[in-house]
Amino acid sequence: MYQLTGVTKSYSQTKRTVTALKDVDLTIADGELVMIQGPTGGGKSTLLQLLGALDRPTSGSVMLGDADLAKQDDRKLGELRASEIGFVFQGFNLIPTLTAQENVETALEPLKVSGPERIRRAREALESVGLADRATHLPSELSGGQQQRVAIARALVKEPRVLLADEPTGNLDEQTRDEIMDLLEGLWRDRGLTLIVVTHDSEVARRSPRRLRIKNGTVAER
């Protein structure tokens, strides 16, 4: 699925250069579940941005299938994000004035999916995360765990090849954390997704057969 070769990412900050990733080589197989851990500022978010086609490396290649994300123009990166990569974040990022159903439908707008088909797929996505009966609820009428389920449905409705989750349980209590991780793992198994999760939580990380640690811009297997 992913092949990173010699990936370095640097940023300019107040007359100095900060290197977030240093000469990273990494392979992630199609259908693999990977957890990424590391200290704040170690490079986790930068790596996820590169995997998600949200940024390009300063040097090196980031292959998603046969596409080198480092060489794609903004239009192509946007198309890849819209069709092949799903994102789940710690903060849910739901639109407060839209219902759960409508929030899920927003992910299909860039794909030019017709109205009836968009409604059908959004309903199926909500059903897959156990929220079919909350379709007409606003985010303010949902618990934190339910809001995260809506966010997962929104990521899944476009049927991506890859699901990237950045601290998906960071705002949840332990019981809800475990429920969300059970859901993500079930979706990973049932759909054959490539699932990549960034987490500070060791209990979450232990659930994965593969764990990576990023520190000072370098990546190592745990």
C-alpha atoms as a PDB file:
ATOM      1  CA  MET A   1       0.000   0.000   0.000  1.00  0.00           C
ATOM      2  CA  TYR A   2       2.690   2.497   1.106  1.00  0.00           C
ATOM      3  CA  GLN A   3       6.385   2.562   0.300  1.00  0.00           C
ATOM      4  CA  LEU A   4       8.410   5.447   1.766  1.00  0.00           C
ATOM      5  CA  THR A   5      12.011   5.772   0.621  1.00  0.00           C
ATOM      6  CA  GLY A   6      14.477   8.302   1.996  1.00  0.00           C
ATOM      7  CA  VAL A   7      11.708  10.597   3.225  1.00  0.00           C
ATOM      8  CA  THR A   8      12.807  13.826   4.889  1.00  0.00           C
ATOM      9  CA  LYS A   9      10.484  16.667   5.819  1.00  0.00           C
ATOM     10  CA  SER A  10      11.842  20.032   6.949  1.00  0.00           C
ATOM     11  CA  TYR A  11      10.172  23.314   7.872  1.00  0.00           C
ATOM     12  CA  SER A  12      11.531  26.834   8.090  1.00  0.00           C
ATOM     13  CA  GLN A  13      10.872  28.499  11.452  1.00  0.00           C
ATOM     14  CA  THR A  14      12.137  31.968  12.385  1.00  0.00           C
ATOM     15  CA  LYS A  15      15.426  31.851  10.508  1.00  0.00           C
ATOM     16  CA  ARG A  16      16.121  28.190  11.299  1.00  0.00           C
ATOM     17  CA  THR A  17      15.234  24.865   9.740  1.00  0.00           C
ATOM     18  CA  VAL A  18      13.397  22.181  11.719  1.00  0.00           C
ATOM     19  CA  THR A  19      13.565  18.625  10.407  1.00  0.00           C
ATOM     20  CA  ALA A  20      10.440  16.678  11.408  1.00  0.00           C
ATOM     21  CA  LEU A  21      11.327  13.453   9.579  1.00  0.00           C
ATOM     22  CA  LYS A  22      14.813  12.242   8.724  1.00  0.00           C
ATOM     23  CA  ASP A  23      15.538   9.808   5.893  1.00  0.00           C
ATOM     24  CA  VAL A  24      12.592   7.510   6.673  1.00  0.00           C
ATOM     25  CA  ASP A  25      12.242   4.157   4.913  1.00  0.00           C
ATOM     26  CA  LEU A  26       8.935   2.429   5.618  1.00  0.00           C
ATOM     27  CA  THR A  27       6.650  -0.149   4.031  1.00  0.00           C
ATOM     28  CA  ILE A  28       3.006  -0.650   5.005  1.00  0.00           C
ATOM     29  CA  ALA A  29       1.230  -3.550   3.351  1.00  0.00           C
ATOM     30  CA  ASP A  30      -2.245  -3.488   1.862  1.00  0.00           C
ATOM     31  CA  GLY A  31      -4.744  -4.413   4.569  1.00  0.00           C
ATOM     32  CA  GLU A  32      -2.311  -3.939   7.446  1.00  0.00           C
ATOM     33  CA  LEU A  33      -3.132  -2.481  10.876  1.00  0.00           C
ATOM     34  CA  VAL A  34      -0.357  -0.227  12.189  1.00  0.00           C
ATOM     35  CA  MET A  35      -0.138   1.822  15.385  1.00  0.00           C
ATOM     36  CA  ILE A  36       2.210   4.813  15.554  1.00  0.00           C
ATOM     37  CA  GLN A  37       3.473   6.133  18.896  1.00  0.00           C
ATOM     38  CA  GLY A  38       5.979   8.743  19.963  1.00  0.00           C
ATOM     39  CA  PRO A  39       6.495  11.926  21.972  1.00  0.00           C
ATOM     40  CA  THR A  40       4.903  15.233  21.063  1.00  0.00           C
ATOM     41  CA  GLY A  41       6.965  16.863  18.333  1.00  0.00           C
ATOM     42  CA  GLY A  42       8.560  13.577  17.338  1.00  0.00           C
ATOM     43  CA  GLY A  43       7.130  13.541  13.816  1.00  0.00           C
ATOM     44  CA  LYS A  44       3.888  11.530  14.142  1.00  0.00           C
ATOM     45  CA  SER A  45       1.602  14.204  12.724  1.00  0.00           C
ATOM     46  CA  THR A  46       4.042  15.004   9.934  1.00  0.00           C
ATOM     47  CA  LEU A  47       4.156  11.347   8.893  1.00  0.00           C
ATOM     48  CA  LEU A  48       0.361  11.128   8.914  1.00  0.00           C
ATOM     49  CA  GLN A  49       0.105  14.268   6.765  1.00  0.00           C
ATOM     50  CA  LEU A  50       2.429  12.714   4.199  1.00  0.00           C
ATOM     51  CA  LEU A  51       0.524   9.417   4.209  1.00  0.00           C
ATOM     52  CA  GLY A  52      -2.728  11.333   3.845  1.00  0.00           C
ATOM     53  CA  ALA A  53      -1.568  13.362   0.824  1.00  0.00           C
ATOM     54  CA  LEU A  54      -1.941  16.541   2.891  1.00  0.00           C
ATOM     55  CA  ASP A  55       1.708  17.512   2.369  1.00  0.00           C
ATOM     56  CA  ARG A  56       4.744  16.566   0.325  1.00  0.00           C
ATOM     57  CA  PRO A  57       8.184  15.522   1.604  1.00  0.00           C
ATOM     58  CA  THR A  58      11.184  17.802   1.248  1.00  0.00           C
ATOM     59  CA  SER A  59      13.002  14.852  -0.289  1.00  0.00           C
ATOM     60  CA  GLY A  60      12.351  11.183  -0.926  1.00  0.00           C
ATOM     61  CA  SER A  61       9.294   9.386  -2.285  1.00  0.00           C
ATOM     62  CA  VAL A  62       5.938   8.461  -0.737  1.00  0.00           C
ATOM     63  CA  MET A  63       4.300   5.808  -2.875  1.00  0.00           C
ATOM     64  CA  LEU A  64       0.596   5.062  -2.438  1.00  0.00           C
ATOM     65  CA  GLY A  65       0.157   2.114  -4.726  1.00  0.00           C
ATOM     66  CA  ASP A  66       1.802   3.247  -7.963  1.00  0.00           C
ATOM     67  CA  ALA A  67       1.363   6.984  -7.280  1.00  0.00           C
ATOM     68  CA  ASP A  68       4.282   8.980  -5.859  1.00  0.00           C
ATOM     69  CA  LEU A  69       2.571  11.543  -3.632  1.00  0.00           C
ATOM     70  CA  ALA A  70       5.706  13.690  -3.685  1.00  0.00           C
ATOM     71  CA  LYS A  71       5.263  14.295  -7.419  1.00  0.00           C
ATOM     72  CA  GLN A  72       1.501  14.819  -7.718  1.00  0.00           C
ATOM     73  CA  ASP A  73       0.018  18.269  -8.274  1.00  0.00           C
ATOM     74  CA  ASP A  74      -2.548  19.733  -5.878  1.00  0.00           C
ATOM     75  CA  ARG A  75      -5.484  18.605  -8.024  1.00  0.00           C
ATOM     76  CA  LYS A  76      -4.337  14.993  -8.050  1.00  0.00           C
ATOM     77  CA  LEU A  77      -3.623  15.002  -4.312  1.00  0.00           C
ATOM     78  CA  GLY A  78      -7.120  16.359  -3.727  1.00  0.00           C
ATOM     79  CA  GLU A  79      -8.605  13.568  -5.829  1.00  0.00           C
ATOM     80  CA  LEU A  80      -6.665  10.943  -3.875  1.00  0.00           C
ATOM     81  CA  ARG A  81      -7.805  12.371  -0.546  1.00  0.00           C
ATOM     82  CA  ALA A  82     -11.400  12.493  -1.735  1.00  0.00           C
ATOM     83  CA  SER A  83     -11.569   8.966  -3.100  1.00  0.00           C
ATOM     84  CA  GLU A  84      -8.937   6.730  -1.489  1.00  0.00           C
ATOM     85  CA  ILE A  85      -8.097   8.058   1.984  1.00  0.00           C
ATOM     86  CA  GLY A  86     -10.404   8.405   4.980  1.00  0.00           C
ATOM     87  CA  PHE A  87      -9.524  10.559   7.985  1.00  0.00           C
ATOM     88  CA  VAL A  88     -10.638  10.328  11.619  1.00  0.00           C
ATOM     89  CA  PHE A  89      -9.452  12.939  14.119  1.00  0.00           C
ATOM     90  CA  GLN A  90      -9.452  13.388  17.868  1.00  0.00           C
ATOM     91  CA  GLY A  91     -11.754  16.411  17.649  1.00  0.00           C
ATOM     92  CA  PHE A  92     -14.535  14.764  15.537  1.00  0.00           C
ATOM     93  CA  ASN A  93     -14.736  17.883  13.263  1.00  0.00           C
ATOM     94  CA  LEU A  94     -18.478  17.574  12.673  1.00  0.00           C
ATOM     95  CA  ILE A  95     -20.440  20.530  11.302  1.00  0.00           C
ATOM     96  CA  PRO A  96     -22.669  21.558  14.233  1.00  0.00           C
ATOM     97  CA  THR A  97     -25.615  22.752  12.132  1.00  0.00           C
ATOM     98  CA  LEU A  98     -25.880  19.499  10.136  1.00  0.00           C
ATOM     99  CA  THR A  99     -27.459  16.239  11.256  1.00  0.00           C
ATOM    100  CA  ALA A 100     -25.442  13.041  11.545  1.00  0.00           C
ATOM    101  CA  GLN A 101     -26.759  11.950   8.135  1.00  0.00           C
ATOM    102  CA  GLU A 102     -25.864  15.277   6.532  1.00  0.00           C
ATOM    103  CA  ASN A 103     -22.386  15.270   8.068  1.00  0.00           C
ATOM    104  CA  VAL A 104     -21.704  11.872   6.524  1.00  0.00           C
ATOM    105  CA  GLU A 105     -23.057  12.998   3.157  1.00  0.00           C
ATOM    106  CA  THR A 106     -20.547  15.868   2.988  1.00  0.00           C
ATOM    107  CA  ALA A 107     -17.754  13.380   2.269  1.00  0.00           C
ATOM    108  CA  LEU A 108     -19.450  12.413  -0.997  1.00  0.00           C
ATOM    109  CA  GLU A 109     -19.909  15.905  -2.399  1.00  0.00           C
ATOM    110  CA  PRO A 110     -16.399  16.088  -3.985  1.00  0.00           C
ATOM    111  CA  LEU A 111     -17.094  12.750  -5.685  1.00  0.00           C
ATOM    112  CA  LYS A 112     -20.193  14.125  -7.442  1.00  0.00           C
ATOM    113  CA  VAL A 113     -22.414  11.356  -6.074  1.00  0.00           C
ATOM    114  CA  SER A 114     -26.089  11.896  -6.927  1.00  0.00           C
ATOM    115  CA  GLY A 115     -28.545  12.927  -4.203  1.00  0.00           C
ATOM    116  CA  PRO A 116     -30.426   9.618  -3.799  1.00  0.00           C
ATOM    117  CA  GLU A 117     -27.201   7.587  -3.935  1.00  0.00           C
ATOM    118  CA  ARG A 118     -25.559   9.940  -1.441  1.00  0.00           C
ATOM    119  CA  ILE A 119     -28.452   9.473   0.990  1.00  0.00           C
ATOM    120  CA  ARG A 120     -28.394   5.691   0.598  1.00  0.00           C
ATOM    121  CA  ARG A 121     -24.665   5.392   1.156  1.00  0.00           C
ATOM    122  CA  ALA A 122     -24.729   7.722   4.162  1.00  0.00           C
ATOM    123  CA  ARG A 123     -27.496   5.680   5.772  1.00  0.00           C
ATOM    124  CA  GLU A 124     -25.550   2.464   5.205  1.00  0.00           C
ATOM    125  CA  ALA A 125     -22.412   4.032   6.685  1.00  0.00           C
ATOM    126  CA  LEU A 126     -24.295   5.131   9.805  1.00  0.00           C
ATOM    127  CA  GLU A 127     -25.778   1.670  10.135  1.00  0.00           C
ATOM    128  CA  SER A 128     -22.293   0.135   9.920  1.00  0.00           C
ATOM    129  CA  VAL A 129     -21.209   2.131  12.984  1.00  0.00           C
ATOM    130  CA  GLY A 130     -24.408   1.403  14.928  1.00  0.00           C
ATOM    131  CA  LEU A 131     -26.024   4.819  14.566  1.00  0.00           C
ATOM    132  CA  ALA A 132     -28.876   4.250  12.120  1.00  0.00           C
ATOM    133  CA  ASP A 133     -31.307   5.496  14.773  1.00  0.00           C
ATOM    134  CA  ARG A 134     -29.375   8.777  15.258  1.00  0.00           C
ATOM    135  CA  ALA A 135     -29.342   9.907  11.628  1.00  0.00           C
ATOM    136  CA  THR A 136     -31.446  13.028  12.250  1.00  0.00           C
ATOM    137  CA  HIS A 137     -29.630  14.125  15.423  1.00  0.00           C
ATOM    138  CA  LEU A 138     -27.340  17.151  15.533  1.00  0.00           C
ATOM    139  CA  PRO A 139     -23.821  16.684  16.970  1.00  0.00           C
ATOM    140  CA  SER A 140     -24.885  18.539  20.134  1.00  0.00           C
ATOM    141  CA  GLU A 141     -27.496  15.832  20.711  1.00  0.00           C
ATOM    142  CA  LEU A 142     -24.909  13.039  20.588  1.00  0.00           C
ATOM    143  CA  SER A 143     -22.378  11.778  23.118  1.00  0.00           C
ATOM    144  CA  GLY A 144     -18.666  11.994  22.410  1.00  0.00           C
ATOM    145  CA  GLY A 145     -18.541   8.352  21.406  1.00  0.00           C
ATOM    146  CA  GLN A 146     -21.514   8.781  19.095  1.00  0.00           C
ATOM    147  CA  GLN A 147     -19.932  11.829  17.480  1.00  0.00           C
ATOM    148  CA  GLN A 148     -16.781   9.833  16.817  1.00  0.00           C
ATOM    149  CA  ARG A 149     -18.898   7.087  15.249  1.00  0.00           C
ATOM    150  CA  VAL A 150     -20.418   9.686  12.916  1.00  0.00           C
ATOM    151  CA  ALA A 151     -16.901  10.844  12.032  1.00  0.00           C
ATOM    152  CA  ILE A 152     -15.902   7.243  11.282  1.00  0.00           C
ATOM    153  CA  ALA A 153     -18.996   6.797   9.106  1.00  0.00           C
ATOM    154  CA  ARG A 154     -18.081   9.992   7.243  1.00  0.00           C
ATOM    155  CA  ALA A 155     -14.598   8.597   6.592  1.00  0.00           C
ATOM    156  CA  LEU A 156     -15.937   5.226   5.436  1.00  0.00           C
ATOM    157  CA  VAL A 157     -18.812   6.386   3.219  1.00  0.00           C
ATOM    158  CA  LYS A 158     -16.509   7.036   0.270  1.00  0.00           C
ATOM    159  CA  GLU A 159     -15.141   3.465   0.558  1.00  0.00           C
ATOM    160  CA  PRO A 160     -11.458   4.396   0.952  1.00  0.00           C
ATOM    161  CA  ARG A 161      -8.516   2.050   0.638  1.00  0.00           C
ATOM    162  CA  VAL A 162      -6.809   3.629   3.642  1.00  0.00           C
ATOM    163  CA  LEU A 163      -8.167   4.883   6.964  1.00  0.00           C
ATOM    164  CA  LEU A 164      -5.893   7.250   8.904  1.00  0.00           C
ATOM    165  CA  ALA A 165      -6.883   7.884  12.522  1.00  0.00           C
ATOM    166  CA  ASP A 166      -5.113  10.622  14.519  1.00  0.00           C
ATOM    167  CA  GLU A 167      -5.699  10.047  18.259  1.00  0.00           C
ATOM    168  CA  PRO A 168      -9.251   8.788  17.572  1.00  0.00           C
ATOM    169  CA  THR A 169      -9.856   7.967  21.256  1.00  0.00           C
ATOM    170  CA  GLY A 170      -8.052  10.935  22.788  1.00  0.00           C
ATOM    171  CA  ASN A 171     -11.256  12.700  23.904  1.00  0.00           C
ATOM    172  CA  LEU A 172     -13.036   9.595  25.189  1.00  0.00           C
ATOM    173  CA  ASP A 173     -13.294   7.760  28.513  1.00  0.00           C
ATOM    174  CA  GLU A 174     -11.828   4.253  28.813  1.00  0.00           C
ATOM    175  CA  GLN A 175     -15.054   2.361  28.143  1.00  0.00           C
ATOM    176  CA  THR A 176     -15.903   4.462  25.081  1.00  0.00           C
ATOM    177  CA  ARG A 177     -12.270   4.243  23.939  1.00  0.00           C
ATOM    178  CA  ASP A 178     -12.499   0.456  23.921  1.00  0.00           C
ATOM    179  CA  GLU A 179     -15.837   0.541  22.080  1.00  0.00           C
ATOM    180  CA  ILE A 180     -14.427   2.804  19.367  1.00  0.00           C
ATOM    181  CA  MET A 181     -11.324   0.650  18.953  1.00  0.00           C
ATOM    182  CA  ASP A 182     -13.495  -2.484  18.757  1.00  0.00           C
ATOM    183  CA  LEU A 183     -15.461  -0.753  16.010  1.00  0.00           C
ATOM    184  CA  LEU A 184     -12.367   0.321  14.076  1.00  0.00           C
ATOM    185  CA  GLU A 185     -10.810  -3.137  14.310  1.00  0.00           C
ATOM    186  CA  GLY A 186     -14.048  -4.769  13.186  1.00  0.00           C
ATOM    187  CA  LEU A 187     -14.298  -2.456  10.191  1.00  0.00           C
ATOM    188  CA  TRP A 188     -10.631  -3.113   9.384  1.00  0.00           C
ATOM    189  CA  ARG A 189     -11.171  -6.881   9.362  1.00  0.00           C
ATOM    190  CA  ASP A 190     -14.514  -6.831   7.551  1.00  0.00           C
ATOM    191  CA  ARG A 191     -13.566  -4.329   4.845  1.00  0.00           C
ATOM    192  CA  GLY A 192      -9.910  -5.206   4.299  1.00  0.00           C
ATOM    193  CA  LEU A 193      -8.865  -1.627   4.994  1.00  0.00           C
ATOM    194  CA  THR A 194      -5.354  -0.437   5.624  1.00  0.00           C
ATOM    195  CA  LEU A 195      -5.749   1.126   9.078  1.00  0.00           C
ATOM    196  CA  ILE A 196      -3.066   3.437  10.497  1.00  0.00           C
ATOM    197  CA  VAL A 197      -3.616   4.861  13.981  1.00  0.00           C
ATOM    198  CA  VAL A 198      -1.585   7.507  15.800  1.00  0.00           C
ATOM    199  CA  THR A 199      -2.013   7.203  19.558  1.00  0.00           C
ATOM    200  CA  HIS A 200      -0.451   8.212  22.870  1.00  0.00           C
ATOM    201  CA  ASP A 201      -2.412   5.460  24.622  1.00  0.00           C
ATOM    202  CA  SER A 202      -0.381   2.307  25.256  1.00  0.00           C
ATOM    203  CA  GLU A 203      -3.571   0.286  25.813  1.00  0.00           C
ATOM    204  CA  VAL A 204      -4.726   1.216  22.321  1.00  0.00           C
ATOM    205  CA  ALA A 205      -1.316   0.520  20.779  1.00  0.00           C
ATOM    206  CA  ARG A 206      -1.133  -2.958  22.309  1.00  0.00           C
ATOM    207  CA  ARG A 207      -4.116  -4.021  20.231  1.00  0.00           C
ATOM    208  CA  SER A 208      -2.100  -3.884  17.016  1.00  0.00           C
ATOM    209  CA  PRO A 209       0.117  -6.645  15.571  1.00  0.00           C
ATOM    210  CA  ARG A 210       2.523  -3.928  14.396  1.00  0.00           C
ATOM    211  CA  ARG A 211       3.686  -0.865  16.312  1.00  0.00           C
ATOM    212  CA  LEU A 212       5.990   1.895  15.120  1.00  0.00           C
ATOM    213  CA  ARG A 213       7.682   4.497  17.279  1.00  0.00           C
ATOM    214  CA  ILE A 214       8.734   7.895  15.975  1.00  0.00           C
ATOM    215  CA  LYS A 215      11.254   9.899  17.951  1.00  0.00           C
ATOM    216  CA  ASN A 216      13.296  12.841  16.765  1.00  0.00           C
ATOM    217  CA  GLY A 217      12.126  12.251  13.219  1.00  0.00           C
ATOM    218  CA  THR A 218      13.219   8.620  12.940  1.00  0.00           C
ATOM    219  CA  VAL A 219      10.962   5.576  12.730  1.00  0.00           C
ATOM    220  CA  ALA A 220      11.627   2.253  14.418  1.00  0.00           C
ATOM    221  CA  GLU A 221       9.631  -0.931  15.005  1.00  0.00           C
ATOM    222  CA  ARG A 222       8.500  -1.460  18.603  1.00  0.00           C
END
